[in-house]
Amino acid sequence: MNKSTDRPSLTRLDLAELETFLWVVRERSFSVAAQKLHLSQPAVTNRIRRLEDKLRVKLLQRTTRSMEPTKEGLLLSEAAEQAVSGLRDVLKRFNVVSETERNRVVVAATPMLSATVLPRLIHTYAERYPDLQIVLRDLPYERVIRSVVEGQADIGVTALDGTPRGLKFQSLAEEKMLLVVPAKHPLASVKTVTLEKLVPHRLMFLDRYETLRLQLAEAFRKRGVDFDPAKAATVATLPTLLGMIDAGHCITFLPRSMVQNNAKRTRVTVTVTDLEASRRYGSVVLRKADLSAAAQNFQAFLRQNFKTQLEAQD
C-alpha cells in the first residue's frame, strides 16, 4: 500500500476506477462486476488496487467466500454513488439538448420570403417530419448573411445577386422583374413599354437591387441613351418604396411575387419588352459548414418545393 504523506486529491481520482469500485460493491463480486463492465477480472482487480493506493485506505475486505466493503469502502461508495448519479443525470440532459439541437434547424430569411413563401413550406415540412423543428427568423438581407456567417442560422434564404465570400449558394428559383407604376401614372395605360419610355420618369429602387440598377445602366448605355439608373434614388425597405409609388412620386422594378403579394388598386404593373431582368432566390450556407442531417434534409426540401410555392404566390 502506498505510504505517501501527500494529502489525497480529487484530481488524482479516476472515474473509471470509481465506477468499477461501485460495481464490485453492488455485486459483491469481482467476476460479476467484470462481466457488467465487459472487462477481465484482473483488470477489475487492478483498478480497485490503484484506487486503494491513491486513497491510502483499504476499501474491500476479501475472503475466499465473500467480499464486503470496509468502513472506509462504505463511506466512499455512498459518496461516489451520489457523485456518479449526478454526473449521469447531467450527461442525460446533455444528450437531450444535443438531440434537440440535431433536430432543430434555424432558417434566416428576408421579410418578404418569411411572410409569403416560407410559412406554407415550413407548415408542410412540419406535417411530414413532426420530430424536426424549423425556427424561422425574418431579418434584413445583411443580417441574414451575417447570421449564417456567424453560425446563428443554419441556412439563409434570400434573393442573391452574387455569393458573399465564404458562403455557398444553392439556387431555388428565378422570377421576372416587373415595372411598377402608380395607377394614375402616364405609363399605367399601357401593358408594355420599351426602356426608352422610362427616361422621363423618376426611378427609385430598393437599395439591395444594385445589380439590377447596373444592368439597367448598361442597357441604356448600349442604346446610346443618356440615362443612368445606377444613380437613381434608393430606399431601404419595401413599405417605404410602395409608399413612394402610391404617392405618385416614382416608378420601380419588383419581382413578380412581391408585386402580387402587395397588389393594390393604386399600382399597375407593366412589362418592359427589351429588358430581361430577374431575381435569383436561393439558400446560403457556410462553405465549410458541417450541416446536421436535419438541416440537409430541409435544404433538399426547399430545393424540391420552393419554386412551386413561389409561383403559387401569383
Protein backbone atom coordinates (compact mmCIF):
# COMPACT_ATOMS: atom_id res chain seq x y z
CA MET A 1 0.00 0.00 0.00
CA ASN A 2 1.27 3.50 -0.78
CA LYS A 3 2.57 5.17 2.41
CA SER A 4 2.99 8.65 0.94
CA THR A 5 2.09 11.52 3.26
CA ASP A 6 0.66 13.60 0.41
CA ARG A 7 -2.96 14.57 1.00
CA PRO A 8 -5.49 12.81 -1.29
CA SER A 9 -6.65 14.99 -4.16
CA LEU A 10 -9.76 14.70 -6.33
CA THR A 11 -7.58 15.37 -9.34
CA ARG A 12 -5.89 12.02 -8.72
CA LEU A 13 -9.15 10.06 -8.82
CA ASP A 14 -10.12 8.18 -11.95
CA LEU A 15 -13.82 7.99 -12.82
CA ALA A 16 -13.40 4.54 -14.37
CA GLU A 17 -11.85 3.26 -11.15
CA LEU A 18 -14.68 4.73 -9.07
CA GLU A 19 -17.31 3.21 -11.32
CA THR A 20 -15.57 -0.17 -11.18
CA PHE A 21 -15.46 0.04 -7.38
CA LEU A 22 -19.21 0.75 -7.26
CA TRP A 23 -19.99 -2.26 -9.45
CA VAL A 24 -17.91 -4.51 -7.18
CA VAL A 25 -19.72 -3.21 -4.09
CA ARG A 26 -23.14 -3.61 -5.70
CA GLU A 27 -22.50 -7.13 -6.92
CA ARG A 28 -20.25 -8.21 -4.03
CA SER A 29 -18.20 -9.92 -6.70
CA PHE A 30 -15.19 -9.10 -8.84
CA SER A 31 -16.18 -11.57 -11.53
CA VAL A 32 -19.76 -10.29 -11.88
CA ALA A 33 -18.53 -6.68 -11.94
CA ALA A 34 -16.08 -7.64 -14.69
CA GLN A 35 -18.95 -9.10 -16.75
CA LYS A 36 -21.06 -5.97 -16.29
CA LEU A 37 -18.18 -3.74 -17.36
CA HIS A 38 -17.02 -6.05 -20.18
CA LEU A 39 -13.58 -6.28 -18.59
CA SER A 40 -11.38 -9.12 -17.47
CA GLN A 41 -11.35 -9.92 -13.76
CA PRO A 42 -7.65 -8.98 -13.43
CA ALA A 43 -8.46 -5.56 -14.96
CA VAL A 44 -11.14 -5.01 -12.32
CA THR A 45 -8.78 -6.11 -9.55
CA ASN A 46 -6.07 -3.74 -10.80
CA ARG A 47 -8.48 -0.79 -10.87
CA ILE A 48 -9.52 -1.40 -7.27
CA ARG A 49 -5.89 -1.75 -6.20
CA ARG A 50 -4.95 1.53 -7.88
CA LEU A 51 -7.89 3.29 -6.19
CA GLU A 52 -6.87 1.96 -2.77
CA ASP A 53 -3.27 3.06 -3.39
CA LYS A 54 -4.38 6.59 -4.28
CA LEU A 55 -6.65 6.90 -1.26
CA ARG A 56 -4.27 5.02 1.08
CA VAL A 57 -7.14 3.09 2.62
CA LYS A 58 -8.45 -0.44 2.31
CA LEU A 59 -11.83 -0.36 0.57
CA LEU A 60 -12.74 -4.04 0.31
CA GLN A 61 -12.39 -6.94 2.68
CA ARG A 62 -11.80 -10.04 0.59
CA THR A 63 -12.04 -13.65 1.82
CA THR A 64 -12.29 -16.93 -0.02
CA ARG A 65 -16.06 -16.91 0.42
CA SER A 66 -17.16 -13.28 0.40
CA MET A 67 -16.28 -9.73 -0.42
CA GLU A 68 -17.50 -6.87 1.76
CA PRO A 69 -16.72 -3.16 1.77
CA THR A 70 -14.76 -1.90 4.72
CA LYS A 71 -15.95 1.05 6.81
CA GLU A 72 -13.99 3.34 4.51
CA GLY A 73 -15.34 1.48 1.49
CA LEU A 74 -18.91 2.12 2.61
CA LEU A 75 -18.20 5.82 3.07
CA LEU A 76 -16.66 6.04 -0.40
CA SER A 77 -19.45 4.05 -2.06
CA GLU A 78 -22.14 6.34 -0.62
CA ALA A 79 -20.32 9.49 -1.74
CA ALA A 80 -19.36 8.03 -5.12
CA GLU A 81 -22.92 6.82 -5.82
CA GLN A 82 -24.19 10.38 -5.37
CA ALA A 83 -21.43 11.86 -7.50
CA VAL A 84 -21.71 9.34 -10.33
CA SER A 85 -25.51 9.53 -10.25
CA GLY A 86 -25.32 13.31 -10.56
CA LEU A 87 -22.91 13.00 -13.48
CA ARG A 88 -25.25 10.56 -15.23
CA ASP A 89 -28.16 12.98 -14.82
CA VAL A 90 -26.11 15.80 -16.31
CA LEU A 91 -24.99 13.63 -19.21
CA LYS A 92 -28.59 12.63 -19.88
CA ARG A 93 -29.53 16.31 -20.03
CA PHE A 94 -26.65 16.97 -22.38
CA ASN A 95 -27.85 14.15 -24.60
CA VAL A 96 -31.38 15.56 -24.64
CA VAL A 97 -30.08 19.03 -25.54
CA SER A 98 -27.79 17.55 -28.18
CA GLU A 99 -30.65 15.56 -29.69
CA THR A 100 -32.87 18.67 -29.68
CA GLU A 101 -30.16 20.70 -31.40
CA ARG A 102 -29.69 17.99 -34.03
CA ASN A 103 -33.41 18.08 -34.79
CA ARG A 104 -33.64 21.89 -34.83
CA VAL A 105 -32.91 23.95 -37.94
CA VAL A 106 -32.63 27.74 -37.75
CA VAL A 107 -33.53 29.47 -41.02
CA ALA A 108 -32.85 33.18 -41.56
CA ALA A 109 -34.81 34.79 -44.39
CA THR A 110 -35.66 38.22 -45.70
CA PRO A 111 -39.08 39.59 -44.61
CA MET A 112 -40.84 39.11 -47.96
CA LEU A 113 -39.94 35.43 -48.17
CA SER A 114 -40.63 34.96 -44.47
CA ALA A 115 -44.14 36.34 -44.89
CA THR A 116 -45.09 34.67 -48.17
CA VAL A 117 -43.24 31.59 -49.41
CA LEU A 118 -41.69 30.05 -46.31
CA PRO A 119 -44.69 29.76 -43.93
CA ARG A 120 -46.51 27.29 -46.17
CA LEU A 121 -43.31 25.36 -46.85
CA ILE A 122 -42.47 25.11 -43.15
CA HIS A 123 -46.02 24.01 -42.33
CA THR A 124 -45.90 21.27 -44.96
CA TYR A 125 -42.47 20.17 -43.80
CA ALA A 126 -43.58 20.04 -40.14
CA GLU A 127 -46.51 17.82 -41.04
CA ARG A 128 -44.19 15.48 -42.91
CA TYR A 129 -41.43 15.49 -40.27
CA PRO A 130 -43.07 16.23 -36.88
CA ASP A 131 -39.88 15.41 -34.93
CA LEU A 132 -37.91 18.18 -36.65
CA GLN A 133 -38.26 21.82 -35.64
CA ILE A 134 -37.79 24.69 -38.09
CA VAL A 135 -37.13 28.07 -36.47
CA LEU A 136 -37.73 30.98 -38.87
CA ARG A 137 -36.07 34.35 -38.26
CA ASP A 138 -37.11 37.20 -40.54
CA LEU A 139 -34.23 39.62 -40.94
CA PRO A 140 -32.96 42.29 -43.33
CA TYR A 141 -30.73 40.94 -46.08
CA GLU A 142 -27.46 41.99 -44.41
CA ARG A 143 -28.43 40.29 -41.16
CA VAL A 144 -29.49 37.12 -42.97
CA ILE A 145 -25.99 36.84 -44.39
CA ARG A 146 -24.37 37.75 -41.06
CA SER A 147 -26.46 35.16 -39.21
CA VAL A 148 -25.19 32.42 -41.49
CA VAL A 149 -21.59 33.65 -41.36
CA GLU A 150 -21.62 33.86 -37.55
CA GLY A 151 -23.32 30.49 -37.12
CA GLN A 152 -26.55 31.89 -35.66
CA ALA A 153 -28.54 30.34 -38.50
CA ASP A 154 -28.01 27.03 -40.26
CA ILE A 155 -29.48 28.20 -43.57
CA GLY A 156 -30.23 31.58 -45.11
CA VAL A 157 -32.97 32.02 -47.71
CA THR A 158 -32.84 35.18 -49.78
CA ALA A 159 -32.53 36.71 -53.21
CA LEU A 160 -28.88 36.98 -54.08
CA ASP A 161 -27.04 38.74 -56.89
CA GLY A 162 -23.61 37.39 -56.01
CA THR A 163 -22.35 34.91 -53.44
CA PRO A 164 -20.58 36.52 -50.46
CA ARG A 165 -17.17 35.16 -49.64
CA GLY A 166 -17.19 32.01 -47.53
CA LEU A 167 -20.77 31.09 -48.40
CA LYS A 168 -22.24 28.54 -50.75
CA PHE A 169 -25.35 29.49 -52.72
CA GLN A 170 -27.85 26.92 -53.96
CA SER A 171 -30.36 28.28 -56.48
CA LEU A 172 -34.03 27.65 -55.68
CA ALA A 173 -35.95 29.75 -58.19
CA GLU A 174 -35.78 32.73 -60.52
CA GLU A 175 -38.55 35.18 -61.37
CA LYS A 176 -39.02 38.09 -63.72
CA MET A 177 -38.82 41.70 -62.60
CA LEU A 178 -41.82 43.87 -63.46
CA LEU A 179 -42.12 47.60 -63.77
CA VAL A 180 -44.48 49.00 -61.12
CA VAL A 181 -46.06 52.42 -61.63
CA PRO A 182 -48.73 54.47 -59.84
CA ALA A 183 -52.25 53.82 -61.13
CA LYS A 184 -52.53 57.40 -62.39
CA HIS A 185 -49.09 57.43 -63.99
CA PRO A 186 -48.82 58.05 -67.78
CA LEU A 187 -47.36 54.55 -68.24
CA ALA A 188 -50.25 52.89 -66.40
CA SER A 189 -52.43 52.90 -69.50
CA VAL A 190 -50.14 50.58 -71.49
CA LYS A 191 -49.30 46.90 -70.99
CA THR A 192 -45.81 47.02 -72.43
CA VAL A 193 -43.11 49.64 -72.84
CA THR A 194 -39.54 49.86 -74.05
CA LEU A 195 -36.64 51.10 -71.94
CA GLU A 196 -36.57 54.47 -73.71
CA LYS A 197 -40.07 55.20 -72.41
CA LEU A 198 -38.71 55.19 -68.85
CA VAL A 199 -36.26 58.04 -69.38
CA PRO A 200 -38.57 60.97 -68.47
CA HIS A 201 -39.75 59.33 -65.25
CA ARG A 202 -38.25 59.13 -61.77
CA LEU A 203 -36.94 55.67 -60.93
CA MET A 204 -36.43 54.51 -57.35
CA PHE A 205 -35.13 51.14 -56.15
CA LEU A 206 -34.67 49.05 -53.07
CA ASP A 207 -31.06 49.64 -52.14
CA ARG A 208 -30.19 45.94 -52.28
CA TYR A 209 -31.05 45.87 -56.02
CA GLU A 210 -27.64 47.17 -57.03
CA THR A 211 -27.15 44.53 -59.72
CA LEU A 212 -30.47 45.47 -61.35
CA ARG A 213 -29.51 49.15 -61.43
CA LEU A 214 -26.16 48.31 -63.01
CA GLN A 215 -27.91 46.09 -65.55
CA LEU A 216 -30.31 48.87 -66.48
CA ALA A 217 -27.46 51.39 -66.73
CA GLU A 218 -25.61 49.10 -69.14
CA ALA A 219 -28.78 48.56 -71.21
CA PHE A 220 -29.29 52.32 -71.61
CA ARG A 221 -25.60 52.84 -72.43
CA LYS A 222 -25.80 50.28 -75.25
CA ARG A 223 -28.79 52.16 -76.68
CA GLY A 224 -26.87 55.44 -76.55
CA VAL A 225 -29.40 56.89 -74.11
CA ASP A 226 -28.12 59.43 -71.62
CA PHE A 227 -29.82 57.95 -68.57
CA ASP A 228 -28.12 56.25 -65.61
CA PRO A 229 -30.39 54.26 -63.26
CA ALA A 230 -27.29 53.40 -61.21
CA LYS A 231 -27.53 56.96 -59.85
CA ALA A 232 -31.25 56.67 -59.05
CA ALA A 233 -32.55 57.13 -55.51
CA THR A 234 -32.86 54.11 -53.27
CA VAL A 235 -34.74 53.23 -50.09
CA ALA A 236 -34.07 50.51 -47.52
CA THR A 237 -37.48 48.89 -47.11
CA LEU A 238 -40.32 47.71 -49.33
CA PRO A 239 -43.10 49.55 -47.40
CA THR A 240 -41.28 52.85 -47.96
CA LEU A 241 -40.85 52.17 -51.67
CA LEU A 242 -44.51 51.19 -52.06
CA GLY A 243 -45.49 54.33 -50.17
CA MET A 244 -43.49 56.43 -52.62
CA ILE A 245 -45.24 54.74 -55.55
CA ASP A 246 -48.68 55.24 -54.02
CA ALA A 247 -47.86 58.91 -53.53
CA GLY A 248 -47.13 59.16 -57.27
CA HIS A 249 -43.50 60.02 -56.55
CA CYS A 250 -41.72 57.31 -58.57
CA ILE A 251 -41.77 54.09 -60.58
CA THR A 252 -39.76 50.96 -59.75
CA PHE A 253 -38.93 47.35 -60.57
CA LEU A 254 -40.00 44.49 -58.31
CA PRO A 255 -40.12 40.68 -58.57
CA ARG A 256 -43.44 39.25 -59.75
CA SER A 257 -44.32 37.57 -56.44
CA MET A 258 -43.57 40.72 -54.48
CA VAL A 259 -45.85 42.68 -56.77
CA GLN A 260 -48.65 40.12 -56.46
CA ASN A 261 -48.44 39.95 -52.68
CA ASN A 262 -48.59 43.72 -52.39
CA ALA A 263 -51.17 44.36 -55.09
CA LYS A 264 -53.31 47.48 -54.70
CA ARG A 265 -55.55 49.49 -56.98
CA THR A 266 -53.11 52.34 -56.57
CA ARG A 267 -50.46 50.45 -58.56
CA VAL A 268 -50.16 48.92 -62.04
CA THR A 269 -47.57 46.52 -63.44
CA VAL A 270 -46.05 46.96 -66.89
CA THR A 271 -43.78 44.67 -68.89
CA VAL A 272 -40.59 46.13 -70.32
CA THR A 273 -40.20 44.29 -73.62
CA ASP A 274 -36.50 44.87 -74.21
CA LEU A 275 -35.25 44.02 -70.72
CA GLU A 276 -34.51 40.55 -69.36
CA ALA A 277 -34.16 41.13 -65.65
CA SER A 278 -34.84 38.64 -62.90
CA ARG A 279 -34.15 37.88 -59.25
CA ARG A 280 -32.49 34.66 -58.13
CA TYR A 281 -33.66 33.11 -54.88
CA GLY A 282 -31.63 30.51 -53.10
CA SER A 283 -30.36 29.04 -49.88
CA VAL A 284 -26.98 30.02 -48.45
CA VAL A 285 -24.83 28.08 -46.01
CA LEU A 286 -21.26 28.36 -44.83
CA ARG A 287 -18.99 26.86 -47.46
CA LYS A 288 -17.27 24.69 -44.85
CA ALA A 289 -20.38 24.09 -42.74
CA ASP A 290 -20.95 20.63 -41.27
CA LEU A 291 -24.73 20.71 -41.63
CA SER A 292 -26.80 18.40 -39.47
CA ALA A 293 -28.88 15.73 -41.16
CA ALA A 294 -31.98 17.80 -40.31
CA ALA A 295 -30.54 20.92 -41.99
CA GLN A 296 -29.52 18.95 -45.07
CA ASN A 297 -32.98 17.42 -45.25
CA PHE A 298 -34.70 20.80 -45.05
CA GLN A 299 -32.38 22.28 -47.67
CA ALA A 300 -33.27 19.41 -50.01
CA PHE A 301 -36.96 20.03 -49.29
CA LEU A 302 -36.53 23.69 -50.24
CA ARG A 303 -34.80 22.72 -53.46
CA GLN A 304 -37.72 20.50 -54.42
CA ASN A 305 -40.61 22.76 -53.38
CA PHE A 306 -39.54 26.41 -53.22
CA LYS A 307 -40.16 27.25 -56.87
CA THR A 308 -43.68 25.77 -56.85
CA GLN A 309 -44.61 27.70 -53.73
CA LEU A 310 -43.13 30.92 -55.12
CA GLU A 311 -45.18 30.58 -58.29
CA ALA A 312 -48.28 29.90 -56.20
CA GLN A 313 -47.99 33.45 -54.87
CA ASP A 314 -49.04 34.83 -58.27
